[in-house]
Protein backbone atom coordinates (compact mmCIF):
# COMPACT_ATOMS: atom_id res chain seq x y z
CA MET A 1 107.09 115.71 60.72
CA ARG A 2 108.28 111.83 60.58
CA ASN A 3 104.56 110.71 59.17
CA GLY A 4 105.20 107.93 62.48
CA PHE A 5 102.50 107.75 65.06
CA ARG A 6 102.66 108.38 68.91
CA LEU A 7 100.88 108.20 71.92
CA PHE A 8 100.20 110.94 74.13
CA LYS A 9 98.81 111.15 77.82
CA LEU A 10 95.90 114.24 77.32
CA ASN A 11 96.52 115.25 80.81
CA ARG A 12 99.90 115.89 80.11
CA MET A 13 99.18 118.18 77.46
CA ASP A 14 99.22 121.95 78.18
CA ARG A 15 98.80 125.24 76.11
CA ILE A 16 97.40 123.22 72.70
CA THR A 17 96.98 125.51 70.01
CA HIS A 18 94.61 124.93 67.13
CA VAL A 19 95.85 125.31 63.74
CA ALA A 20 94.43 126.24 60.30
CA SER A 21 96.04 123.41 58.37
CA TYR A 22 94.69 119.88 58.30
CA GLU A 23 95.89 116.83 57.12
CA GLY A 24 93.07 114.85 56.99
CA ASN A 25 92.42 111.12 58.69
CA ARG A 26 94.86 108.32 58.27
CA GLU A 27 94.73 104.65 59.06
CA VAL A 28 95.98 104.35 62.53
CA PRO A 29 97.61 100.94 63.19
CA LEU A 30 96.78 99.44 66.65
CA PRO A 31 98.98 98.93 69.12
CA ASP A 32 100.04 95.99 70.56
CA LEU A 33 98.81 97.03 74.55
CA SER A 34 99.12 93.61 76.08
CA ASN A 35 100.18 93.33 79.47
CA LYS A 36 103.00 91.35 78.04
CA LYS A 37 104.09 94.18 75.57
CA VAL A 38 103.43 97.08 77.39
CA PHE A 39 104.44 95.67 81.57
CA PRO A 40 106.81 92.45 81.13
CA ALA A 41 107.45 90.60 83.38
CA LYS A 42 110.97 91.16 85.32
CA ASP A 43 110.28 88.84 87.82
CA ARG A 44 107.90 86.60 90.23
CA VAL A 45 107.04 87.57 93.57
CA LYS A 46 106.01 84.96 96.28
CA ALA A 47 104.56 86.51 99.66
CA VAL A 48 102.16 85.70 102.14
CA PHE A 49 99.07 87.28 103.09
CA ASP A 50 96.97 87.73 106.45
CA PRO A 51 93.91 86.60 105.28
CA SER A 52 92.31 89.91 106.43
CA MET A 53 93.84 90.76 102.51
CA LYS A 54 92.22 88.61 100.33
CA TRP A 55 89.79 91.39 98.80
CA HIS A 56 93.18 92.85 98.52
CA LEU A 57 94.22 90.65 96.46
CA VAL A 58 90.84 89.70 94.13
CA GLU A 59 90.78 93.06 93.59
CA GLU A 60 94.14 93.97 91.99
CA TYR A 61 95.32 90.29 90.69
CA GLY A 62 91.55 88.21 90.38
CA VAL A 63 90.46 85.20 92.33
CA ASP A 64 92.69 82.80 90.87
CA SER A 65 96.47 84.90 92.24
CA PHE A 66 96.23 82.99 95.41
CA SER A 67 95.98 79.55 97.15
CA GLU A 68 94.69 79.20 100.89
CA MET A 69 97.33 77.38 102.64
CA ASP A 70 96.20 75.09 105.91
CA ASP A 71 96.53 77.97 108.41
CA GLY A 72 94.59 80.20 106.25
CA ARG A 73 96.93 82.60 105.14
CA LEU A 74 97.17 83.36 101.46
CA LEU A 75 99.97 82.61 99.49
CA PHE A 76 100.56 84.47 96.30
CA GLU A 77 102.65 84.12 93.81
CA HIS A 78 102.90 86.54 90.56
CA GLU A 79 105.19 88.21 87.93
CA TYR A 80 105.85 91.78 88.25
CA ALA A 81 107.17 94.46 85.90
CA ASP A 82 109.51 96.38 88.02
CA ASP A 83 110.39 96.71 91.59
CA GLU A 84 109.28 99.90 92.38
CA GLY A 85 105.74 99.33 91.66
CA LEU A 86 105.75 96.20 93.34
CA LEU A 87 107.38 97.65 96.62
CA ALA A 88 104.73 100.24 96.67
CA TRP A 89 102.26 97.71 96.48
CA ILE A 90 103.67 95.60 99.32
CA LEU A 91 103.90 98.55 101.45
CA SER A 92 100.48 99.65 101.18
CA CYS A 93 99.64 96.03 102.42
CA ARG A 94 101.31 97.46 105.89
CA ASP A 95 102.27 94.32 108.11
CA LYS A 96 99.59 91.93 107.02
CA VAL A 97 101.77 90.53 104.11
CA THR A 98 105.28 88.23 104.42
CA VAL A 99 107.79 88.31 101.05
CA ILE A 100 109.22 85.51 100.44
CA LYS A 101 111.41 85.89 97.19
CA PRO A 102 113.31 87.60 95.42
CA GLU A 103 115.21 88.25 97.85
CA ARG A 104 116.44 91.79 96.86
CA ILE A 105 112.70 92.73 97.47
CA ARG A 106 112.70 91.11 101.06
CA GLU A 107 116.46 93.44 101.42
CA LYS A 108 114.64 96.62 99.76
CA LEU A 109 111.66 96.51 102.06
CA CYS A 110 114.10 96.40 105.42
CA GLN A 111 115.87 99.21 104.37
CA ILE A 112 112.83 101.26 103.32
CA THR A 113 110.72 100.48 106.66
CA THR A 114 114.02 100.69 108.88
CA GLU A 115 114.31 104.56 107.48
CA ILE A 116 110.33 105.50 107.59
CA ALA A 117 111.01 104.50 111.57
CA ARG A 118 113.90 106.51 112.01
CA LYS A 119 112.33 109.17 110.76
CA TYR A 120 109.54 108.87 113.04
CA GLU A 121 111.38 107.62 116.05
CA GLY A 122 113.36 111.02 116.14
CA ASP A 123 109.89 113.28 116.13
CA ARG A 124 109.13 111.17 119.49
CA LYS A 125 112.51 112.22 121.21
């Protein structure tokens, strides 16, 4: 209708129907799908990981995403695009990570884990 180009997720399409008319092939410009464009950095996280989480960091962010501290723990610093994605990832690391910065992420983690603890403490009584 607008002769513009759109990207659609196939898994969200439901009840697709075939139409008889066909406009033919058009030249489609390639979109800029770089990480900087699709996931622009919002902030930078600084965290210390238990050495047992080395594989987790390598798998997710690569071998150059952290430095080993004198005590063997891993210092991780990286940009991230959104708080919710970072929080979910940090929580997946359980007690093997301590966030240093930013403070708002530390506060949100404290809030989330306190709410989770309250939920399950009530079940134990």
